[in-house]
Amino acid sequence: VCDEPHPVMIKDMIGHCVQGKIDDAYLILKSLWDKGYSPHDIITNIFRVCKNYQMAEYLKLEFIKVCVANRRIGYMHTCVCVCVCVCVCVCVSHCNRTLA
């Protein structure tokens, strides 16, 4: 059993966020949580995958900013993990609409 989410799933989740498909991104997040991955592993992998993901630099910075902020606070609770990913999705979707 692997103790970290597969980067492809995280990449798909980020892709949905960038496209503004929050429901699809949430379904991936929920499946990761249901498989027993810790918030730490999910957030750490979002950070890792995001650094190499092909997207506008301002979007990448938003993802990284939210991930780093929540790594510092302490996030070993389900709600925080969900909130992090939802915040990233909402933030990215808002940026896309504002700059479009």
PDB file of N, CA and C in Angstrom:
ATOM      1  N   VAL A   1       0.844  -1.180   0.000  1.00  0.00           N
ATOM      2  CA  VAL A   1       0.000   0.000   0.000  1.00  0.00           C
ATOM      3  C   VAL A   1       0.883   1.235   0.000  1.00  0.00           C
ATOM      4  N   CYS A   2       0.609   2.155  -0.884  1.00  0.00           N
ATOM      5  CA  CYS A   2       1.358   3.410  -0.967  1.00  0.00           C
ATOM      6  C   CYS A   2       0.788   4.385   0.052  1.00  0.00           C
ATOM      7  N   ASP A   3       1.667   5.115   0.720  1.00  0.00           N
ATOM      8  CA  ASP A   3       1.187   6.020   1.763  1.00  0.00           C
ATOM      9  C   ASP A   3       1.033   7.460   1.280  1.00  0.00           C
ATOM     10  N   GLU A   4       1.194   7.690  -0.008  1.00  0.00           N
ATOM     11  CA  GLU A   4       0.980   9.031  -0.567  1.00  0.00           C
ATOM     12  C   GLU A   4       0.091   8.919  -1.799  1.00  0.00           C
ATOM     13  N   PRO A   5      -0.731   9.942  -2.043  1.00  0.00           N
ATOM     14  CA  PRO A   5      -1.589   9.917  -3.236  1.00  0.00           C
ATOM     15  C   PRO A   5      -0.751   9.911  -4.513  1.00  0.00           C
ATOM     16  N   HIS A   6      -1.265   9.262  -5.527  1.00  0.00           N
ATOM     17  CA  HIS A   6      -0.570   9.228  -6.808  1.00  0.00           C
ATOM     18  C   HIS A   6      -0.569  10.630  -7.427  1.00  0.00           C
ATOM     19  N   PRO A   7       0.583  11.071  -7.920  1.00  0.00           N
ATOM     20  CA  PRO A   7       0.676  12.422  -8.497  1.00  0.00           C
ATOM     21  C   PRO A   7      -0.303  12.672  -9.653  1.00  0.00           C
ATOM     22  N   VAL A   8      -0.667  11.628 -10.375  1.00  0.00           N
ATOM     23  CA  VAL A   8      -1.600  11.806 -11.491  1.00  0.00           C
ATOM     24  C   VAL A   8      -2.971  12.243 -10.970  1.00  0.00           C
ATOM     25  N   MET A   9      -3.390  11.678  -9.840  1.00  0.00           N
ATOM     26  CA  MET A   9      -4.684  12.089  -9.262  1.00  0.00           C
ATOM     27  C   MET A   9      -4.622  13.552  -8.820  1.00  0.00           C
ATOM     28  N   ILE A  10      -3.510  13.934  -8.209  1.00  0.00           N
ATOM     29  CA  ILE A  10      -3.341  15.320  -7.775  1.00  0.00           C
ATOM     30  C   ILE A  10      -3.306  16.237  -8.994  1.00  0.00           C
ATOM     31  N   LYS A  11      -2.615  15.812 -10.039  1.00  0.00           N
ATOM     32  CA  LYS A  11      -2.545  16.603 -11.280  1.00  0.00           C
ATOM     33  C   LYS A  11      -3.943  16.795 -11.866  1.00  0.00           C
ATOM     34  N   ASP A  12      -4.728  15.732 -11.874  1.00  0.00           N
ATOM     35  CA  ASP A  12      -6.103  15.840 -12.382  1.00  0.00           C
ATOM     36  C   ASP A  12      -6.919  16.815 -11.531  1.00  0.00           C
ATOM     37  N   MET A  13      -6.740  16.738 -10.217  1.00  0.00           N
ATOM     38  CA  MET A  13      -7.467  17.635  -9.319  1.00  0.00           C
ATOM     39  C   MET A  13      -7.082  19.095  -9.587  1.00  0.00           C
ATOM     40  N   ILE A  14      -5.793  19.356  -9.728  1.00  0.00           N
ATOM     41  CA  ILE A  14      -5.338  20.719 -10.025  1.00  0.00           C
ATOM     42  C   ILE A  14      -5.885  21.175 -11.370  1.00  0.00           C
ATOM     43  N   GLY A  15      -5.875  20.274 -12.344  1.00  0.00           N
ATOM     44  CA  GLY A  15      -6.423  20.609 -13.663  1.00  0.00           C
ATOM     45  C   GLY A  15      -7.883  21.027 -13.585  1.00  0.00           C
ATOM     46  N   HIS A  16      -8.655  20.309 -12.794  1.00  0.00           N
ATOM     47  CA  HIS A  16     -10.066  20.676 -12.608  1.00  0.00           C
ATOM     48  C   HIS A  16     -10.184  22.047 -11.949  1.00  0.00           C
ATOM     49  N   CYS A  17      -9.327  22.307 -10.973  1.00  0.00           N
ATOM     50  CA  CYS A  17      -9.355  23.613 -10.306  1.00  0.00           C
ATOM     51  C   CYS A  17      -9.058  24.733 -11.300  1.00  0.00           C
ATOM     52  N   VAL A  18      -8.029  24.543 -12.106  1.00  0.00           N
ATOM     53  CA  VAL A  18      -7.632  25.563 -13.076  1.00  0.00           C
ATOM     54  C   VAL A  18      -8.762  25.828 -14.062  1.00  0.00           C
ATOM     55  N   GLN A  19      -9.505  24.786 -14.402  1.00  0.00           N
ATOM     56  CA  GLN A  19     -10.622  24.925 -15.337  1.00  0.00           C
ATOM     57  C   GLN A  19     -11.900  25.401 -14.659  1.00  0.00           C
ATOM     58  N   GLY A  20     -11.851  25.560 -13.326  1.00  0.00           N
ATOM     59  CA  GLY A  20     -13.031  26.014 -12.598  1.00  0.00           C
ATOM     60  C   GLY A  20     -14.041  24.918 -12.318  1.00  0.00           C
ATOM     61  N   LYS A  21     -13.647  23.661 -12.473  1.00  0.00           N
ATOM     62  CA  LYS A  21     -14.541  22.520 -12.229  1.00  0.00           C
ATOM     63  C   LYS A  21     -14.386  22.065 -10.779  1.00  0.00           C
ATOM     64  N   ILE A  22     -14.942  22.837  -9.877  1.00  0.00           N
ATOM     65  CA  ILE A  22     -14.757  22.612  -8.451  1.00  0.00           C
ATOM     66  C   ILE A  22     -15.362  21.278  -8.013  1.00  0.00           C
ATOM     67  N   ASP A  23     -16.512  20.929  -8.538  1.00  0.00           N
ATOM     68  CA  ASP A  23     -17.150  19.660  -8.154  1.00  0.00           C
ATOM     69  C   ASP A  23     -16.273  18.466  -8.522  1.00  0.00           C
ATOM     70  N   ASP A  24     -15.682  18.509  -9.715  1.00  0.00           N
ATOM     71  CA  ASP A  24     -14.811  17.409 -10.135  1.00  0.00           C
ATOM     72  C   ASP A  24     -13.555  17.336  -9.268  1.00  0.00           C
ATOM     73  N   ALA A  25     -12.999  18.506  -8.951  1.00  0.00           N
ATOM     74  CA  ALA A  25     -11.822  18.541  -8.078  1.00  0.00           C
ATOM     75  C   ALA A  25     -12.165  17.986  -6.706  1.00  0.00           C
ATOM     76  N   TYR A  26     -13.325  18.349  -6.204  1.00  0.00           N
ATOM     77  CA  TYR A  26     -13.755  17.858  -4.894  1.00  0.00           C
ATOM     78  C   TYR A  26     -13.907  16.341  -4.892  1.00  0.00           C
ATOM     79  N   LEU A  27     -14.448  15.776  -5.972  1.00  0.00           N
ATOM     80  CA  LEU A  27     -14.630  14.320  -6.029  1.00  0.00           C
ATOM     81  C   LEU A  27     -13.287  13.596  -5.933  1.00  0.00           C
ATOM     82  N   ILE A  28     -12.264  14.148  -6.570  1.00  0.00           N
ATOM     83  CA  ILE A  28     -10.935  13.543  -6.466  1.00  0.00           C
ATOM     84  C   ILE A  28     -10.421  13.663  -5.041  1.00  0.00           C
ATOM     85  N   LEU A  29     -10.575  14.842  -4.459  1.00  0.00           N
ATOM     86  CA  LEU A  29     -10.152  15.044  -3.071  1.00  0.00           C
ATOM     87  C   LEU A  29     -10.869  14.067  -2.146  1.00  0.00           C
ATOM     88  N   LYS A  30     -12.170  13.928  -2.324  1.00  0.00           N
ATOM     89  CA  LYS A  30     -12.951  13.022  -1.476  1.00  0.00           C
ATOM     90  C   LYS A  30     -12.471  11.587  -1.636  1.00  0.00           C
ATOM     91  N   SER A  31     -12.167  11.191  -2.863  1.00  0.00           N
ATOM     92  CA  SER A  31     -11.698   9.818  -3.068  1.00  0.00           C
ATOM     93  C   SER A  31     -10.347   9.600  -2.393  1.00  0.00           C
ATOM     94  N   LEU A  32      -9.483  10.613  -2.411  1.00  0.00           N
ATOM     95  CA  LEU A  32      -8.194  10.495  -1.720  1.00  0.00           C
ATOM     96  C   LEU A  32      -8.404  10.361  -0.217  1.00  0.00           C
ATOM     97  N   TRP A  33      -9.328  11.175   0.298  1.00  0.00           N
ATOM     98  CA  TRP A  33      -9.602  11.114   1.740  1.00  0.00           C
ATOM     99  C   TRP A  33     -10.208   9.763   2.111  1.00  0.00           C
ATOM    100  N   ASP A  34     -11.144   9.292   1.284  1.00  0.00           N
ATOM    101  CA  ASP A  34     -11.796   8.012   1.548  1.00  0.00           C
ATOM    102  C   ASP A  34     -10.813   6.839   1.498  1.00  0.00           C
ATOM    103  N   LYS A  35      -9.745   6.988   0.723  1.00  0.00           N
ATOM    104  CA  LYS A  35      -8.718   5.940   0.654  1.00  0.00           C
ATOM    105  C   LYS A  35      -7.778   5.978   1.853  1.00  0.00           C
ATOM    106  N   GLY A  36      -7.939   6.986   2.707  1.00  0.00           N
ATOM    107  CA  GLY A  36      -7.175   7.030   3.945  1.00  0.00           C
ATOM    108  C   GLY A  36      -5.918   7.868   3.920  1.00  0.00           C
ATOM    109  N   TYR A  37      -5.718   8.656   2.870  1.00  0.00           N
ATOM    110  CA  TYR A  37      -4.542   9.518   2.833  1.00  0.00           C
ATOM    111  C   TYR A  37      -4.697  10.642   3.849  1.00  0.00           C
ATOM    112  N   SER A  38      -3.608  10.992   4.491  1.00  0.00           N
ATOM    113  CA  SER A  38      -3.657  12.042   5.506  1.00  0.00           C
ATOM    114  C   SER A  38      -3.687  13.414   4.843  1.00  0.00           C
ATOM    115  N   PRO A  39      -4.205  14.418   5.551  1.00  0.00           N
ATOM    116  CA  PRO A  39      -4.169  15.785   5.021  1.00  0.00           C
ATOM    117  C   PRO A  39      -2.737  16.215   4.684  1.00  0.00           C
ATOM    118  N   HIS A  40      -1.794  15.813   5.514  1.00  0.00           N
ATOM    119  CA  HIS A  40      -0.389  16.158   5.271  1.00  0.00           C
ATOM    120  C   HIS A  40       0.081  15.624   3.920  1.00  0.00           C
ATOM    121  N   ASP A  41      -0.222  14.372   3.635  1.00  0.00           N
ATOM    122  CA  ASP A  41       0.203  13.769   2.374  1.00  0.00           C
ATOM    123  C   ASP A  41      -0.493  14.419   1.178  1.00  0.00           C
ATOM    124  N   ILE A  42      -1.755  14.740   1.329  1.00  0.00           N
ATOM    125  CA  ILE A  42      -2.495  15.375   0.233  1.00  0.00           C
ATOM    126  C   ILE A  42      -1.938  16.759  -0.050  1.00  0.00           C
ATOM    127  N   ILE A  43      -1.776  17.562   0.986  1.00  0.00           N
ATOM    128  CA  ILE A  43      -1.292  18.932   0.800  1.00  0.00           C
ATOM    129  C   ILE A  43       0.138  18.944   0.286  1.00  0.00           C
ATOM    130  N   THR A  44       0.976  18.072   0.826  1.00  0.00           N
ATOM    131  CA  THR A  44       2.368  17.999   0.367  1.00  0.00           C
ATOM    132  C   THR A  44       2.436  17.643  -1.106  1.00  0.00           C
ATOM    133  N   ASN A  45       1.599  16.719  -1.537  1.00  0.00           N
ATOM    134  CA  ASN A  45       1.604  16.335  -2.946  1.00  0.00           C
ATOM    135  C   ASN A  45       0.997  17.401  -3.847  1.00  0.00           C
ATOM    136  N   ILE A  46       0.023  18.129  -3.362  1.00  0.00           N
ATOM    137  CA  ILE A  46      -0.498  19.257  -4.145  1.00  0.00           C
ATOM    138  C   ILE A  46       0.641  20.242  -4.393  1.00  0.00           C
ATOM    139  N   PHE A  47       1.404  20.523  -3.353  1.00  0.00           N
ATOM    140  CA  PHE A  47       2.533  21.437  -3.459  1.00  0.00           C
ATOM    141  C   PHE A  47       3.553  20.926  -4.477  1.00  0.00           C
ATOM    142  N   ARG A  48       3.922  19.658  -4.378  1.00  0.00           N
ATOM    143  CA  ARG A  48       4.922  19.073  -5.287  1.00  0.00           C
ATOM    144  C   ARG A  48       4.470  19.092  -6.741  1.00  0.00           C
ATOM    145  N   VAL A  49       3.249  18.639  -6.969  1.00  0.00           N
ATOM    146  CA  VAL A  49       2.736  18.560  -8.338  1.00  0.00           C
ATOM    147  C   VAL A  49       2.561  19.957  -8.917  1.00  0.00           C
ATOM    148  N   CYS A  50       2.103  20.870  -8.105  1.00  0.00           N
ATOM    149  CA  CYS A  50       1.838  22.226  -8.562  1.00  0.00           C
ATOM    150  C   CYS A  50       3.102  22.912  -9.074  1.00  0.00           C
ATOM    151  N   LYS A  51       4.220  22.644  -8.427  1.00  0.00           N
ATOM    152  CA  LYS A  51       5.470  23.295  -8.827  1.00  0.00           C
ATOM    153  C   LYS A  51       5.832  22.996 -10.277  1.00  0.00           C
ATOM    154  N   ASN A  52       5.447  21.824 -10.774  1.00  0.00           N
ATOM    155  CA  ASN A  52       5.791  21.428 -12.145  1.00  0.00           C
ATOM    156  C   ASN A  52       4.611  21.464 -13.105  1.00  0.00           C
ATOM    157  N   TYR A  53       3.448  21.865 -12.620  1.00  0.00           N
ATOM    158  CA  TYR A  53       2.242  21.879 -13.457  1.00  0.00           C
ATOM    159  C   TYR A  53       2.298  23.065 -14.418  1.00  0.00           C
ATOM    160  N   GLN A  54       1.929  22.829 -15.661  1.00  0.00           N
ATOM    161  CA  GLN A  54       1.935  23.898 -16.662  1.00  0.00           C
ATOM    162  C   GLN A  54       0.660  24.736 -16.526  1.00  0.00           C
ATOM    163  N   MET A  55       0.823  25.913 -15.924  1.00  0.00           N
ATOM    164  CA  MET A  55      -0.290  26.850 -15.777  1.00  0.00           C
ATOM    165  C   MET A  55       0.295  28.243 -15.642  1.00  0.00           C
ATOM    166  N   ALA A  56      -0.559  29.235 -15.691  1.00  0.00           N
ATOM    167  CA  ALA A  56      -0.104  30.611 -15.528  1.00  0.00           C
ATOM    168  C   ALA A  56       0.603  30.764 -14.177  1.00  0.00           C
ATOM    169  N   GLU A  57       1.640  31.562 -14.165  1.00  0.00           N
ATOM    170  CA  GLU A  57       2.456  31.711 -12.961  1.00  0.00           C
ATOM    171  C   GLU A  57       1.648  32.229 -11.766  1.00  0.00           C
ATOM    172  N   TYR A  58       0.720  33.161 -12.012  1.00  0.00           N
ATOM    173  CA  TYR A  58      -0.073  33.704 -10.900  1.00  0.00           C
ATOM    174  C   TYR A  58      -0.956  32.628 -10.268  1.00  0.00           C
ATOM    175  N   LEU A  59      -1.430  31.674 -11.084  1.00  0.00           N
ATOM    176  CA  LEU A  59      -2.228  30.578 -10.539  1.00  0.00           C
ATOM    177  C   LEU A  59      -1.351  29.651  -9.706  1.00  0.00           C
ATOM    178  N   LYS A  60      -0.174  29.355 -10.215  1.00  0.00           N
ATOM    179  CA  LYS A  60       0.749  28.501  -9.485  1.00  0.00           C
ATOM    180  C   LYS A  60       1.084  29.113  -8.133  1.00  0.00           C
ATOM    181  N   LEU A  61       1.295  30.416  -8.109  1.00  0.00           N
ATOM    182  CA  LEU A  61       1.603  31.095  -6.853  1.00  0.00           C
ATOM    183  C   LEU A  61       0.449  31.022  -5.871  1.00  0.00           C
ATOM    184  N   GLU A  62      -0.787  31.089  -6.357  1.00  0.00           N
ATOM    185  CA  GLU A  62      -1.948  30.977  -5.475  1.00  0.00           C
ATOM    186  C   GLU A  62      -2.017  29.586  -4.837  1.00  0.00           C
ATOM    187  N   PHE A  63      -1.797  28.553  -5.633  1.00  0.00           N
ATOM    188  CA  PHE A  63      -1.792  27.194  -5.088  1.00  0.00           C
ATOM    189  C   PHE A  63      -0.711  27.067  -4.021  1.00  0.00           C
ATOM    190  N   ILE A  64       0.488  27.485  -4.352  1.00  0.00           N
ATOM    191  CA  ILE A  64       1.616  27.334  -3.434  1.00  0.00           C
ATOM    192  C   ILE A  64       1.393  28.141  -2.164  1.00  0.00           C
ATOM    193  N   LYS A  65       0.860  29.347  -2.312  1.00  0.00           N
ATOM    194  CA  LYS A  65       0.617  30.202  -1.146  1.00  0.00           C
ATOM    195  C   LYS A  65      -0.346  29.530  -0.169  1.00  0.00           C
ATOM    196  N   VAL A  66      -1.419  28.966  -0.666  1.00  0.00           N
ATOM    197  CA  VAL A  66      -2.397  28.307   0.201  1.00  0.00           C
ATOM    198  C   VAL A  66      -1.806  27.049   0.825  1.00  0.00           C
ATOM    199  N   CYS A  67      -1.067  26.267   0.043  1.00  0.00           N
ATOM    200  CA  CYS A  67      -0.462  25.044   0.580  1.00  0.00           C
ATOM    201  C   CYS A  67       0.544  25.356   1.681  1.00  0.00           C
ATOM    202  N   VAL A  68       1.411  26.325   1.437  1.00  0.00           N
ATOM    203  CA  VAL A  68       2.440  26.666   2.426  1.00  0.00           C
ATOM    204  C   VAL A  68       1.798  27.212   3.691  1.00  0.00           C
ATOM    205  N   ALA A  69       0.811  28.071   3.549  1.00  0.00           N
ATOM    206  CA  ALA A  69       0.153  28.651   4.724  1.00  0.00           C
ATOM    207  C   ALA A  69      -0.467  27.562   5.581  1.00  0.00           C
ATOM    208  N   ASN A  70      -1.090  26.588   4.966  1.00  0.00           N
ATOM    209  CA  ASN A  70      -1.766  25.547   5.732  1.00  0.00           C
ATOM    210  C   ASN A  70      -0.811  24.484   6.250  1.00  0.00           C
ATOM    211  N   ARG A  71       0.366  24.348   5.656  1.00  0.00           N
ATOM    212  CA  ARG A  71       1.366  23.427   6.200  1.00  0.00           C
ATOM    213  C   ARG A  71       1.907  23.989   7.514  1.00  0.00           C
ATOM    214  N   ARG A  72       1.989  25.300   7.633  1.00  0.00           N
ATOM    215  CA  ARG A  72       2.517  25.926   8.839  1.00  0.00           C
ATOM    216  C   ARG A  72       1.524  25.869   9.994  1.00  0.00           C
ATOM    217  N   ILE A  73       0.258  25.998   9.701  1.00  0.00           N
ATOM    218  CA  ILE A  73      -0.767  26.105  10.737  1.00  0.00           C
ATOM    219  C   ILE A  73      -0.968  24.781  11.465  1.00  0.00           C
ATOM    220  N   GLY A  74      -0.890  23.679  10.752  1.00  0.00           N
ATOM    221  CA  GLY A  74      -1.226  22.373  11.340  1.00  0.00           C
ATOM    222  C   GLY A  74      -2.600  21.995  10.835  1.00  0.00           C
ATOM    223  N   TYR A  75      -2.700  20.839  10.217  1.00  0.00           N
ATOM    224  CA  TYR A  75      -3.906  20.554   9.441  1.00  0.00           C
ATOM    225  C   TYR A  75      -4.328  19.102   9.560  1.00  0.00           C
ATOM    226  N   MET A  76      -4.169  18.520  10.718  1.00  0.00           N
ATOM    227  CA  MET A  76      -4.448  17.098  10.824  1.00  0.00           C
ATOM    228  C   MET A  76      -5.929  16.812  11.081  1.00  0.00           C
ATOM    229  N   HIS A  77      -6.778  17.626  10.546  1.00  0.00           N
ATOM    230  CA  HIS A  77      -8.207  17.418  10.714  1.00  0.00           C
ATOM    231  C   HIS A  77      -8.871  17.448   9.340  1.00  0.00           C
ATOM    232  N   THR A  78      -9.871  16.649   9.138  1.00  0.00           N
ATOM    233  CA  THR A  78     -10.542  16.534   7.846  1.00  0.00           C
ATOM    234  C   THR A  78     -11.004  17.867   7.302  1.00  0.00           C
ATOM    235  N   CYS A  79     -11.634  18.670   8.124  1.00  0.00           N
ATOM    236  CA  CYS A  79     -12.190  19.939   7.648  1.00  0.00           C
ATOM    237  C   CYS A  79     -11.124  20.832   7.054  1.00  0.00           C
ATOM    238  N   VAL A  80      -9.971  20.859   7.659  1.00  0.00           N
ATOM    239  CA  VAL A  80      -8.918  21.733   7.159  1.00  0.00           C
ATOM    240  C   VAL A  80      -8.459  21.272   5.794  1.00  0.00           C
ATOM    241  N   CYS A  81      -8.309  19.982   5.618  1.00  0.00           N
ATOM    242  CA  CYS A  81      -7.881  19.457   4.324  1.00  0.00           C
ATOM    243  C   CYS A  81      -8.887  19.826   3.239  1.00  0.00           C
ATOM    244  N   VAL A  82     -10.140  19.608   3.524  1.00  0.00           N
ATOM    245  CA  VAL A  82     -11.176  19.945   2.557  1.00  0.00           C
ATOM    246  C   VAL A  82     -11.178  21.444   2.291  1.00  0.00           C
ATOM    247  N   CYS A  83     -11.056  22.242   3.349  1.00  0.00           N
ATOM    248  CA  CYS A  83     -11.063  23.696   3.180  1.00  0.00           C
ATOM    249  C   CYS A  83      -9.893  24.181   2.344  1.00  0.00           C
ATOM    250  N   VAL A  84      -8.730  23.581   2.541  1.00  0.00           N
ATOM    251  CA  VAL A  84      -7.560  23.977   1.748  1.00  0.00           C
ATOM    252  C   VAL A  84      -7.843  23.797   0.275  1.00  0.00           C
ATOM    253  N   CYS A  85      -8.289  22.618  -0.105  1.00  0.00           N
ATOM    254  CA  CYS A  85      -8.510  22.349  -1.527  1.00  0.00           C
ATOM    255  C   CYS A  85      -9.661  23.176  -2.087  1.00  0.00           C
ATOM    256  N   VAL A  86     -10.705  23.358  -1.300  1.00  0.00           N
ATOM    257  CA  VAL A  86     -11.822  24.183  -1.761  1.00  0.00           C
ATOM    258  C   VAL A  86     -11.372  25.635  -1.903  1.00  0.00           C
ATOM    259  N   CYS A  87     -10.585  26.124  -0.951  1.00  0.00           N
ATOM    260  CA  CYS A  87     -10.073  27.496  -1.043  1.00  0.00           C
ATOM    261  C   CYS A  87      -9.222  27.679  -2.282  1.00  0.00           C
ATOM    262  N   VAL A  88      -8.377  26.699  -2.563  1.00  0.00           N
ATOM    263  CA  VAL A  88      -7.547  26.781  -3.762  1.00  0.00           C
ATOM    264  C   VAL A  88      -8.429  26.810  -4.998  1.00  0.00           C
ATOM    265  N   CYS A  89      -9.432  25.928  -5.059  1.00  0.00           N
ATOM    266  CA  CYS A  89     -10.328  25.894  -6.222  1.00  0.00           C
ATOM    267  C   CYS A  89     -11.052  27.214  -6.395  1.00  0.00           C
ATOM    268  N   VAL A  90     -11.585  27.743  -5.306  1.00  0.00           N
ATOM    269  CA  VAL A  90     -12.341  28.993  -5.376  1.00  0.00           C
ATOM    270  C   VAL A  90     -11.421  30.138  -5.776  1.00  0.00           C
ATOM    271  N   CYS A  91     -10.248  30.178  -5.188  1.00  0.00           N
ATOM    272  CA  CYS A  91      -9.293  31.238  -5.480  1.00  0.00           C
ATOM    273  C   CYS A  91      -8.882  31.206  -6.949  1.00  0.00           C
ATOM    274  N   VAL A  92      -8.556  30.029  -7.445  1.00  0.00           N
ATOM    275  CA  VAL A  92      -8.145  29.894  -8.837  1.00  0.00           C
ATOM    276  C   VAL A  92      -9.295  30.235  -9.765  1.00  0.00           C
ATOM    277  N   SER A  93     -10.493  29.756  -9.443  1.00  0.00           N
ATOM    278  CA  SER A  93     -11.651  30.067 -10.282  1.00  0.00           C
ATOM    279  C   SER A  93     -11.905  31.564 -10.305  1.00  0.00           C
ATOM    280  N   HIS A  94     -11.781  32.213  -9.161  1.00  0.00           N
ATOM    281  CA  HIS A  94     -11.983  33.654  -9.078  1.00  0.00           C
ATOM    282  C   HIS A  94     -10.936  34.388  -9.909  1.00  0.00           C
ATOM    283  N   CYS A  95      -9.680  33.959  -9.807  1.00  0.00           N
ATOM    284  CA  CYS A  95      -8.617  34.586 -10.595  1.00  0.00           C
ATOM    285  C   CYS A  95      -8.882  34.442 -12.085  1.00  0.00           C
ATOM    286  N   ASN A  96      -9.320  33.258 -12.494  1.00  0.00           N
ATOM    287  CA  ASN A  96      -9.602  33.039 -13.913  1.00  0.00           C
ATOM    288  C   ASN A  96     -10.725  33.943 -14.407  1.00  0.00           C
ATOM    289  N   ARG A  97     -11.780  34.090 -13.600  1.00  0.00           N
ATOM    290  CA  ARG A  97     -12.896  34.941 -14.013  1.00  0.00           C
ATOM    291  C   ARG A  97     -12.497  36.412 -14.023  1.00  0.00           C
ATOM    292  N   THR A  98     -11.713  36.818 -13.032  1.00  0.00           N
ATOM    293  CA  THR A  98     -11.325  38.218 -12.921  1.00  0.00           C
ATOM    294  C   THR A  98     -10.418  38.637 -14.057  1.00  0.00           C
ATOM    295  N   LEU A  99      -9.494  37.762 -14.433  1.00  0.00           N
ATOM    296  CA  LEU A  99      -8.498  38.116 -15.456  1.00  0.00           C
ATOM    297  C   LEU A  99      -8.940  37.764 -16.863  1.00  0.00           C
ATOM    298  N   ALA A 100     -10.073  37.074 -16.993  1.00  0.00           N
ATOM    299  CA  ALA A 100     -10.534  36.657 -18.329  1.00  0.00           C
ATOM    300  C   ALA A 100     -11.147  37.820 -19.077  1.00  0.00           C
TER     301      ALA A 100
END
